[in-house]
Amino acid sequence: YLINAPRRLPSAPALIAAAVVALCAASNLWHNRAGTAPPTFDAAWYLENACRFYHALREGGFSSFYAVYSHAFRFKAPLISVLPLPAFYLFGPSHDAALLVNIAAMALLAAYLYRLGERLSSPTAGLLAVAIAMTMPLLYGVSRNFLVEYWLAALVSGAVYHLLRSDGLRRMDSVRRLGALLGLGLLLKSLFPLYLLAPAADILLRRRRELGASFWRELERPLKTLCLIAGAIALSWYAHNLVTTVGYALRA
């Protein structure tokens, strides 16, 4: 749903990009199994809360899970600790299982980078974008830690892709997907919208020059849809923690 992949046979660059991702994913799986170092600092905190979410869900159902989820962290968005729950269900709660979320983020990031390169230039550019990102030392290092940054890169890439694909917020299917990504991004990091300011401003300024006086009237419906979807997702946690989060950000 979030990617909206086209229904066509994959091209040669797409198949090569998929092979690069598969190779990096296999390398990460081997590294995670061979590694013995325990998680520390934020990673340990995220893992602790992920285990709390899992046990609340298994033992008390959704209502018990939501009671724990809605008051978790207080000043840090909680999505990173929700993402491992399917892996915990299949393999049991553990650090190795939690790291599997980065494999999913790797596939999502590669898909969006490929689509961005393909849209802005060509399938070959998409392949180069994937190859560079998958082997970039900083990103590759983050992909082996239970932290928010790798998923952050994937969701930001997705949001930028749908900003472009929406054609100045004209295409409502991409607007809805952008709303979902924005809501999830806010649950991953409270400052998520800042990463989208520059591309959003560029795209909207272009459309404003095109529409002139009717700009705000044309933008009213897509903006309402975007805010409604993003708000509905984000408020699942911010409804209980917004004041604490804002206060912490101001003090920082």
C-alpha atoms as a PDB file:
ATOM      1  CA  TYR A   1       0.000   0.000   0.000  1.00  0.00           C
ATOM      2  CA  LEU A   2       2.717   2.486   0.956  1.00  0.00           C
ATOM      3  CA  ILE A   3       4.884   1.824  -2.093  1.00  0.00           C
ATOM      4  CA  ASN A   4       2.152   1.494  -4.745  1.00  0.00           C
ATOM      5  CA  ALA A   5       4.407  -0.568  -7.019  1.00  0.00           C
ATOM      6  CA  PRO A   6       3.517  -0.640 -10.728  1.00  0.00           C
ATOM      7  CA  ARG A   7       2.066  -3.839 -12.169  1.00  0.00           C
ATOM      8  CA  ARG A   8       4.706  -4.665 -14.724  1.00  0.00           C
ATOM      9  CA  LEU A   9       7.583  -7.089 -15.126  1.00  0.00           C
ATOM     10  CA  PRO A  10      10.752  -5.876 -13.378  1.00  0.00           C
ATOM     11  CA  SER A  11      13.488  -4.446 -15.584  1.00  0.00           C
ATOM     12  CA  ALA A  12      17.105  -5.618 -15.499  1.00  0.00           C
ATOM     13  CA  PRO A  13      18.211  -2.705 -13.229  1.00  0.00           C
ATOM     14  CA  ALA A  14      15.347  -3.520 -10.849  1.00  0.00           C
ATOM     15  CA  LEU A  15      16.419  -7.177 -10.666  1.00  0.00           C
ATOM     16  CA  ILE A  16      20.046  -6.171 -10.013  1.00  0.00           C
ATOM     17  CA  ALA A  17      18.893  -3.744  -7.294  1.00  0.00           C
ATOM     18  CA  ALA A  18      16.883  -6.552  -5.699  1.00  0.00           C
ATOM     19  CA  ALA A  19      19.984  -8.768  -5.787  1.00  0.00           C
ATOM     20  CA  VAL A  20      22.039  -6.041  -4.052  1.00  0.00           C
ATOM     21  CA  VAL A  21      19.409  -5.784  -1.312  1.00  0.00           C
ATOM     22  CA  ALA A  22      19.282  -9.575  -0.940  1.00  0.00           C
ATOM     23  CA  LEU A  23      23.078  -9.721  -0.577  1.00  0.00           C
ATOM     24  CA  CYS A  24      23.096  -6.950   2.060  1.00  0.00           C
ATOM     25  CA  ALA A  25      20.192  -8.581   3.907  1.00  0.00           C
ATOM     26  CA  ALA A  26      22.023 -11.927   3.974  1.00  0.00           C
ATOM     27  CA  SER A  27      25.153 -10.180   5.268  1.00  0.00           C
ATOM     28  CA  ASN A  28      23.126  -8.554   8.050  1.00  0.00           C
ATOM     29  CA  LEU A  29      21.484 -11.843   9.021  1.00  0.00           C
ATOM     30  CA  TRP A  30      24.898 -13.483   9.297  1.00  0.00           C
ATOM     31  CA  HIS A  31      26.278 -10.546  11.292  1.00  0.00           C
ATOM     32  CA  ASN A  32      23.321 -10.580  13.698  1.00  0.00           C
ATOM     33  CA  ARG A  33      23.682 -14.314  14.363  1.00  0.00           C
ATOM     34  CA  ALA A  34      27.458 -14.083  14.800  1.00  0.00           C
ATOM     35  CA  GLY A  35      27.391 -10.991  17.021  1.00  0.00           C
ATOM     36  CA  THR A  36      27.375 -11.437  20.792  1.00  0.00           C
ATOM     37  CA  ALA A  37      27.493  -7.834  22.007  1.00  0.00           C
ATOM     38  CA  PRO A  38      24.356  -6.837  23.956  1.00  0.00           C
ATOM     39  CA  PRO A  39      22.376  -3.716  23.033  1.00  0.00           C
ATOM     40  CA  THR A  40      23.326  -0.560  24.911  1.00  0.00           C
ATOM     41  CA  PHE A  41      21.900   2.914  25.586  1.00  0.00           C
ATOM     42  CA  ASP A  42      18.916   3.741  23.308  1.00  0.00           C
ATOM     43  CA  ALA A  43      18.928   0.321  21.634  1.00  0.00           C
ATOM     44  CA  ALA A  44      18.544  -1.386  25.011  1.00  0.00           C
ATOM     45  CA  TRP A  45      15.729   0.992  25.974  1.00  0.00           C
ATOM     46  CA  TYR A  46      13.899   0.325  22.698  1.00  0.00           C
ATOM     47  CA  LEU A  47      14.323  -3.435  23.168  1.00  0.00           C
ATOM     48  CA  GLU A  48      13.062  -3.297  26.756  1.00  0.00           C
ATOM     49  CA  ASN A  49       9.885  -1.512  25.657  1.00  0.00           C
ATOM     50  CA  ALA A  50       9.435  -3.846  22.684  1.00  0.00           C
ATOM     51  CA  CYS A  51       9.454  -6.787  25.110  1.00  0.00           C
ATOM     52  CA  ARG A  52       6.961  -4.977  27.362  1.00  0.00           C
ATOM     53  CA  PHE A  53       4.673  -4.377  24.366  1.00  0.00           C
ATOM     54  CA  TYR A  54       4.932  -8.020  23.315  1.00  0.00           C
ATOM     55  CA  HIS A  55       4.105  -9.448  26.739  1.00  0.00           C
ATOM     56  CA  ALA A  56       1.239  -6.974  27.237  1.00  0.00           C
ATOM     57  CA  LEU A  57      -0.219  -7.982  23.870  1.00  0.00           C
ATOM     58  CA  ARG A  58       0.167 -11.728  24.449  1.00  0.00           C
ATOM     59  CA  GLU A  59      -1.086 -11.732  28.028  1.00  0.00           C
ATOM     60  CA  GLY A  60      -3.777  -9.048  28.015  1.00  0.00           C
ATOM     61  CA  GLY A  61      -4.748  -8.470  24.390  1.00  0.00           C
ATOM     62  CA  PHE A  62      -4.980  -5.174  22.548  1.00  0.00           C
ATOM     63  CA  SER A  63      -6.398  -3.167  25.450  1.00  0.00           C
ATOM     64  CA  SER A  64      -3.466  -4.174  27.657  1.00  0.00           C
ATOM     65  CA  PHE A  65      -1.020  -3.413  24.842  1.00  0.00           C
ATOM     66  CA  TYR A  66      -2.515   0.017  24.241  1.00  0.00           C
ATOM     67  CA  ALA A  67      -2.375   0.892  27.934  1.00  0.00           C
ATOM     68  CA  VAL A  68       1.383   0.206  27.903  1.00  0.00           C
ATOM     69  CA  TYR A  69       1.978   1.702  24.432  1.00  0.00           C
ATOM     70  CA  SER A  70       0.141   4.966  25.061  1.00  0.00           C
ATOM     71  CA  HIS A  71       2.348   5.837  28.044  1.00  0.00           C
ATOM     72  CA  ALA A  72       5.665   4.388  26.829  1.00  0.00           C
ATOM     73  CA  PHE A  73       8.773   6.582  26.616  1.00  0.00           C
ATOM     74  CA  ARG A  74       6.715   9.739  27.350  1.00  0.00           C
ATOM     75  CA  PHE A  75       9.013  12.045  25.339  1.00  0.00           C
ATOM     76  CA  LYS A  76      10.280   9.741  22.559  1.00  0.00           C
ATOM     77  CA  ALA A  77       8.023   8.386  19.834  1.00  0.00           C
ATOM     78  CA  PRO A  78       7.421   4.613  20.296  1.00  0.00           C
ATOM     79  CA  LEU A  79       7.075   3.084  16.816  1.00  0.00           C
ATOM     80  CA  ILE A  80      10.555   1.515  16.782  1.00  0.00           C
ATOM     81  CA  SER A  81       9.505  -0.697  19.701  1.00  0.00           C
ATOM     82  CA  VAL A  82       6.251  -1.727  17.993  1.00  0.00           C
ATOM     83  CA  LEU A  83       7.890  -2.841  14.746  1.00  0.00           C
ATOM     84  CA  PRO A  84       9.517  -6.045  16.145  1.00  0.00           C
ATOM     85  CA  LEU A  85       6.215  -7.511  17.407  1.00  0.00           C
ATOM     86  CA  PRO A  86       5.579  -9.728  14.334  1.00  0.00           C
ATOM     87  CA  ALA A  87       9.152 -11.084  14.567  1.00  0.00           C
ATOM     88  CA  PHE A  88       8.707 -11.663  18.320  1.00  0.00           C
ATOM     89  CA  TYR A  89       5.509 -13.591  17.605  1.00  0.00           C
ATOM     90  CA  LEU A  90       7.318 -15.855  15.118  1.00  0.00           C
ATOM     91  CA  PHE A  91      10.710 -16.266  16.832  1.00  0.00           C
ATOM     92  CA  GLY A  92      10.205 -15.147  20.418  1.00  0.00           C
ATOM     93  CA  PRO A  93      11.355 -11.866  21.993  1.00  0.00           C
ATOM     94  CA  SER A  94      15.097 -11.356  21.555  1.00  0.00           C
ATOM     95  CA  HIS A  95      17.635  -8.849  20.291  1.00  0.00           C
ATOM     96  CA  ASP A  96      18.245 -10.935  17.143  1.00  0.00           C
ATOM     97  CA  ALA A  97      14.524 -10.979  16.351  1.00  0.00           C
ATOM     98  CA  ALA A  98      14.284  -7.211  16.905  1.00  0.00           C
ATOM     99  CA  LEU A  99      17.087  -6.623  14.401  1.00  0.00           C
ATOM    100  CA  LEU A 100      14.973  -8.261  11.698  1.00  0.00           C
ATOM    101  CA  VAL A 101      13.036  -4.986  11.442  1.00  0.00           C
ATOM    102  CA  ASN A 102      16.084  -3.516   9.701  1.00  0.00           C
ATOM    103  CA  ILE A 103      15.809  -6.127   6.953  1.00  0.00           C
ATOM    104  CA  ALA A 104      12.273  -4.908   6.263  1.00  0.00           C
ATOM    105  CA  ALA A 105      13.478  -1.284   6.364  1.00  0.00           C
ATOM    106  CA  MET A 106      16.259  -2.184   3.934  1.00  0.00           C
ATOM    107  CA  ALA A 107      13.753  -3.507   1.400  1.00  0.00           C
ATOM    108  CA  LEU A 108      11.473  -0.484   1.880  1.00  0.00           C
ATOM    109  CA  LEU A 109      14.326   2.012   1.567  1.00  0.00           C
ATOM    110  CA  ALA A 110      15.661   0.315  -1.565  1.00  0.00           C
ATOM    111  CA  ALA A 111      12.207   0.243  -3.170  1.00  0.00           C
ATOM    112  CA  TYR A 112      11.675   3.951  -2.594  1.00  0.00           C
ATOM    113  CA  LEU A 113      15.179   4.935  -3.706  1.00  0.00           C
ATOM    114  CA  TYR A 114      14.782   2.901  -6.874  1.00  0.00           C
ATOM    115  CA  ARG A 115      11.411   4.487  -7.622  1.00  0.00           C
ATOM    116  CA  LEU A 116      12.827   7.967  -6.944  1.00  0.00           C
ATOM    117  CA  GLY A 117      15.798   7.415  -9.266  1.00  0.00           C
ATOM    118  CA  GLU A 118      13.539   5.922 -11.928  1.00  0.00           C
ATOM    119  CA  ARG A 119      11.065   8.811 -11.683  1.00  0.00           C
ATOM    120  CA  LEU A 120      13.682  11.583 -11.725  1.00  0.00           C
ATOM    121  CA  SER A 121      15.992  10.031 -14.301  1.00  0.00           C
ATOM    122  CA  SER A 122      16.021   6.365 -15.359  1.00  0.00           C
ATOM    123  CA  PRO A 123      16.002   2.771 -14.032  1.00  0.00           C
ATOM    124  CA  THR A 124      19.814   2.853 -14.121  1.00  0.00           C
ATOM    125  CA  ALA A 125      19.774   5.884 -11.808  1.00  0.00           C
ATOM    126  CA  GLY A 126      17.457   3.943  -9.500  1.00  0.00           C
ATOM    127  CA  LEU A 127      19.911   1.045  -9.446  1.00  0.00           C
ATOM    128  CA  LEU A 128      22.809   3.396  -8.647  1.00  0.00           C
ATOM    129  CA  ALA A 129      20.814   5.000  -5.823  1.00  0.00           C
ATOM    130  CA  VAL A 130      20.146   1.589  -4.287  1.00  0.00           C
ATOM    131  CA  ALA A 131      23.737   0.392  -4.684  1.00  0.00           C
ATOM    132  CA  ILE A 132      25.187   3.572  -3.144  1.00  0.00           C
ATOM    133  CA  ALA A 133      22.755   3.595  -0.197  1.00  0.00           C
ATOM    134  CA  MET A 134      23.014  -0.114   0.579  1.00  0.00           C
ATOM    135  CA  THR A 135      26.835   0.076   0.768  1.00  0.00           C
ATOM    136  CA  MET A 136      27.227   3.522   2.346  1.00  0.00           C
ATOM    137  CA  PRO A 137      29.217   2.927   5.573  1.00  0.00           C
ATOM    138  CA  LEU A 138      26.993   5.091   7.770  1.00  0.00           C
ATOM    139  CA  LEU A 139      23.731   3.564   6.572  1.00  0.00           C
ATOM    140  CA  TYR A 140      25.189   0.066   6.536  1.00  0.00           C
ATOM    141  CA  GLY A 141      26.378   0.465  10.120  1.00  0.00           C
ATOM    142  CA  VAL A 142      22.997   1.766  11.270  1.00  0.00           C
ATOM    143  CA  SER A 143      21.271  -1.182   9.577  1.00  0.00           C
ATOM    144  CA  ARG A 144      22.928  -3.480  12.137  1.00  0.00           C
ATOM    145  CA  ASN A 145      21.670  -1.629  15.210  1.00  0.00           C
ATOM    146  CA  PHE A 146      18.237  -1.520  16.786  1.00  0.00           C
ATOM    147  CA  LEU A 147      17.816   2.234  16.383  1.00  0.00           C
ATOM    148  CA  VAL A 148      15.326   4.552  14.659  1.00  0.00           C
ATOM    149  CA  GLU A 149      17.657   5.924  11.994  1.00  0.00           C
ATOM    150  CA  TYR A 150      17.362   3.197   9.360  1.00  0.00           C
ATOM    151  CA  TRP A 151      13.574   3.198   9.444  1.00  0.00           C
ATOM    152  CA  LEU A 152      13.733   6.996   9.470  1.00  0.00           C
ATOM    153  CA  ALA A 153      15.715   6.936   6.207  1.00  0.00           C
ATOM    154  CA  ALA A 154      13.146   4.572   4.653  1.00  0.00           C
ATOM    155  CA  LEU A 155      10.106   6.628   5.668  1.00  0.00           C
ATOM    156  CA  VAL A 156      11.671   9.946   4.636  1.00  0.00           C
ATOM    157  CA  SER A 157      12.534   8.469   1.229  1.00  0.00           C
ATOM    158  CA  GLY A 158       8.963   7.226   0.905  1.00  0.00           C
ATOM    159  CA  ALA A 159       7.496  10.581   1.849  1.00  0.00           C
ATOM    160  CA  VAL A 160       9.705  12.404  -0.675  1.00  0.00           C
ATOM    161  CA  TYR A 161       8.709   9.903  -3.360  1.00  0.00           C
ATOM    162  CA  HIS A 162       4.995  10.452  -2.741  1.00  0.00           C
ATOM    163  CA  LEU A 163       5.494  14.213  -2.581  1.00  0.00           C
ATOM    164  CA  LEU A 164       6.892  13.984  -6.111  1.00  0.00           C
ATOM    165  CA  ARG A 165       4.353  11.437  -7.286  1.00  0.00           C
ATOM    166  CA  SER A 166       1.420  13.466  -5.977  1.00  0.00           C
ATOM    167  CA  ASP A 167       2.149  16.132  -8.616  1.00  0.00           C
ATOM    168  CA  GLY A 168       1.785  19.038  -6.223  1.00  0.00           C
ATOM    169  CA  LEU A 169      -0.771  17.154  -4.050  1.00  0.00           C
ATOM    170  CA  ARG A 170      -3.053  16.601  -7.063  1.00  0.00           C
ATOM    171  CA  ARG A 171      -3.070  12.783  -6.946  1.00  0.00           C
ATOM    172  CA  MET A 172      -5.168  11.747  -3.961  1.00  0.00           C
ATOM    173  CA  ASP A 173      -3.821   8.180  -3.844  1.00  0.00           C
ATOM    174  CA  SER A 174      -0.318   9.530  -3.214  1.00  0.00           C
ATOM    175  CA  VAL A 175      -1.692  12.145  -0.789  1.00  0.00           C
ATOM    176  CA  ARG A 176      -3.253   9.354   1.289  1.00  0.00           C
ATOM    177  CA  ARG A 177      -0.026   7.365   1.246  1.00  0.00           C
ATOM    178  CA  LEU A 178       1.908  10.490   2.188  1.00  0.00           C
ATOM    179  CA  GLY A 179      -0.472  10.989   5.117  1.00  0.00           C
ATOM    180  CA  ALA A 180       0.131   7.429   6.299  1.00  0.00           C
ATOM    181  CA  LEU A 181       3.910   7.853   6.018  1.00  0.00           C
ATOM    182  CA  LEU A 182       3.765  11.196   7.844  1.00  0.00           C
ATOM    183  CA  GLY A 183       1.760   9.657  10.681  1.00  0.00           C
ATOM    184  CA  LEU A 184       4.138   6.717  10.986  1.00  0.00           C
ATOM    185  CA  GLY A 185       7.126   9.063  10.748  1.00  0.00           C
ATOM    186  CA  LEU A 186       5.792  11.141  13.653  1.00  0.00           C
ATOM    187  CA  LEU A 187       5.499   7.944  15.683  1.00  0.00           C
ATOM    188  CA  LEU A 188       9.124   7.175  14.820  1.00  0.00           C
ATOM    189  CA  LYS A 189      10.572  10.635  15.532  1.00  0.00           C
ATOM    190  CA  SER A 190       8.689  13.724  16.644  1.00  0.00           C
ATOM    191  CA  LEU A 191      10.763  15.985  14.359  1.00  0.00           C
ATOM    192  CA  PHE A 192       9.969  13.886  11.261  1.00  0.00           C
ATOM    193  CA  PRO A 193       8.220  16.739   9.340  1.00  0.00           C
ATOM    194  CA  LEU A 194      11.433  18.803   9.396  1.00  0.00           C
ATOM    195  CA  TYR A 195      13.051  16.356   6.976  1.00  0.00           C
ATOM    196  CA  LEU A 196      10.314  17.105   4.424  1.00  0.00           C
ATOM    197  CA  LEU A 197      10.275  20.894   4.625  1.00  0.00           C
ATOM    198  CA  ALA A 198      12.658  21.583   1.730  1.00  0.00           C
ATOM    199  CA  PRO A 199      11.139  19.203  -0.864  1.00  0.00           C
ATOM    200  CA  ALA A 200       7.576  20.095   0.204  1.00  0.00           C
ATOM    201  CA  ALA A 201       8.296  23.833  -0.073  1.00  0.00           C
ATOM    202  CA  ASP A 202       9.836  23.395  -3.517  1.00  0.00           C
ATOM    203  CA  ILE A 203       6.921  21.350  -4.849  1.00  0.00           C
ATOM    204  CA  LEU A 204       4.230  23.624  -3.379  1.00  0.00           C
ATOM    205  CA  LEU A 205       5.922  26.821  -4.569  1.00  0.00           C
ATOM    206  CA  ARG A 206       5.974  25.426  -8.092  1.00  0.00           C
ATOM    207  CA  ARG A 207       2.262  24.674  -7.925  1.00  0.00           C
ATOM    208  CA  ARG A 208       1.516  28.102  -6.422  1.00  0.00           C
ATOM    209  CA  ARG A 209       3.169  29.791  -9.393  1.00  0.00           C
ATOM    210  CA  GLU A 210       1.080  27.593 -11.662  1.00  0.00           C
ATOM    211  CA  LEU A 211      -2.303  28.138  -9.955  1.00  0.00           C
ATOM    212  CA  GLY A 212      -1.985  31.709  -8.755  1.00  0.00           C
ATOM    213  CA  ALA A 213      -4.985  32.974  -6.771  1.00  0.00           C
ATOM    214  CA  SER A 214      -6.735  29.565  -6.719  1.00  0.00           C
ATOM    215  CA  PHE A 215      -3.755  27.877  -5.000  1.00  0.00           C
ATOM    216  CA  TRP A 216      -5.231  27.615  -1.497  1.00  0.00           C
ATOM    217  CA  ARG A 217      -8.682  26.609  -2.741  1.00  0.00           C
ATOM    218  CA  GLU A 218      -7.218  23.765  -4.809  1.00  0.00           C
ATOM    219  CA  LEU A 219      -5.013  22.675  -1.915  1.00  0.00           C
ATOM    220  CA  GLU A 220      -7.737  22.601   0.747  1.00  0.00           C
ATOM    221  CA  ARG A 221      -9.027  19.061   0.122  1.00  0.00           C
ATOM    222  CA  PRO A 222      -5.646  17.280  -0.192  1.00  0.00           C
ATOM    223  CA  LEU A 223      -4.288  19.089   2.884  1.00  0.00           C
ATOM    224  CA  LYS A 224      -7.331  18.102   4.940  1.00  0.00           C
ATOM    225  CA  THR A 225      -6.959  14.482   3.814  1.00  0.00           C
ATOM    226  CA  LEU A 226      -3.235  14.520   4.561  1.00  0.00           C
ATOM    227  CA  CYS A 227      -3.679  15.992   8.048  1.00  0.00           C
ATOM    228  CA  LEU A 228      -6.618  13.714   8.891  1.00  0.00           C
ATOM    229  CA  ILE A 229      -4.731  10.514   8.071  1.00  0.00           C
ATOM    230  CA  ALA A 230      -1.440  11.625   9.649  1.00  0.00           C
ATOM    231  CA  GLY A 231      -3.216  12.948  12.741  1.00  0.00           C
ATOM    232  CA  ALA A 232      -5.311   9.809  13.239  1.00  0.00           C
ATOM    233  CA  ILE A 233      -2.161   7.669  13.234  1.00  0.00           C
ATOM    234  CA  ALA A 234       0.047   9.991  15.295  1.00  0.00           C
ATOM    235  CA  LEU A 235      -2.564  10.782  17.951  1.00  0.00           C
ATOM    236  CA  SER A 236      -2.621   7.124  19.024  1.00  0.00           C
ATOM    237  CA  TRP A 237       0.416   8.100  21.129  1.00  0.00           C
ATOM    238  CA  TYR A 238       0.649  11.917  21.062  1.00  0.00           C
ATOM    239  CA  ALA A 239      -2.826  12.294  22.554  1.00  0.00           C
ATOM    240  CA  HIS A 240      -1.295  11.119  25.850  1.00  0.00           C
ATOM    241  CA  ASN A 241       2.225  12.500  25.510  1.00  0.00           C
ATOM    242  CA  LEU A 242       2.198  15.698  23.444  1.00  0.00           C
ATOM    243  CA  VAL A 243       2.743  18.090  26.367  1.00  0.00           C
ATOM    244  CA  THR A 244       5.646  16.039  27.732  1.00  0.00           C
ATOM    245  CA  THR A 245       7.230  15.710  24.278  1.00  0.00           C
ATOM    246  CA  VAL A 246       6.973  19.435  23.527  1.00  0.00           C
ATOM    247  CA  GLY A 247       8.327  20.319  26.961  1.00  0.00           C
ATOM    248  CA  TYR A 248      11.310  18.007  26.520  1.00  0.00           C
ATOM    249  CA  ALA A 249      12.037  19.418  23.053  1.00  0.00           C
ATOM    250  CA  LEU A 250      11.965  22.999  24.354  1.00  0.00           C
ATOM    251  CA  ARG A 251      14.285  22.164  27.245  1.00  0.00           C
ATOM    252  CA  ALA A 252      16.672  20.422  24.847  1.00  0.00           C
END
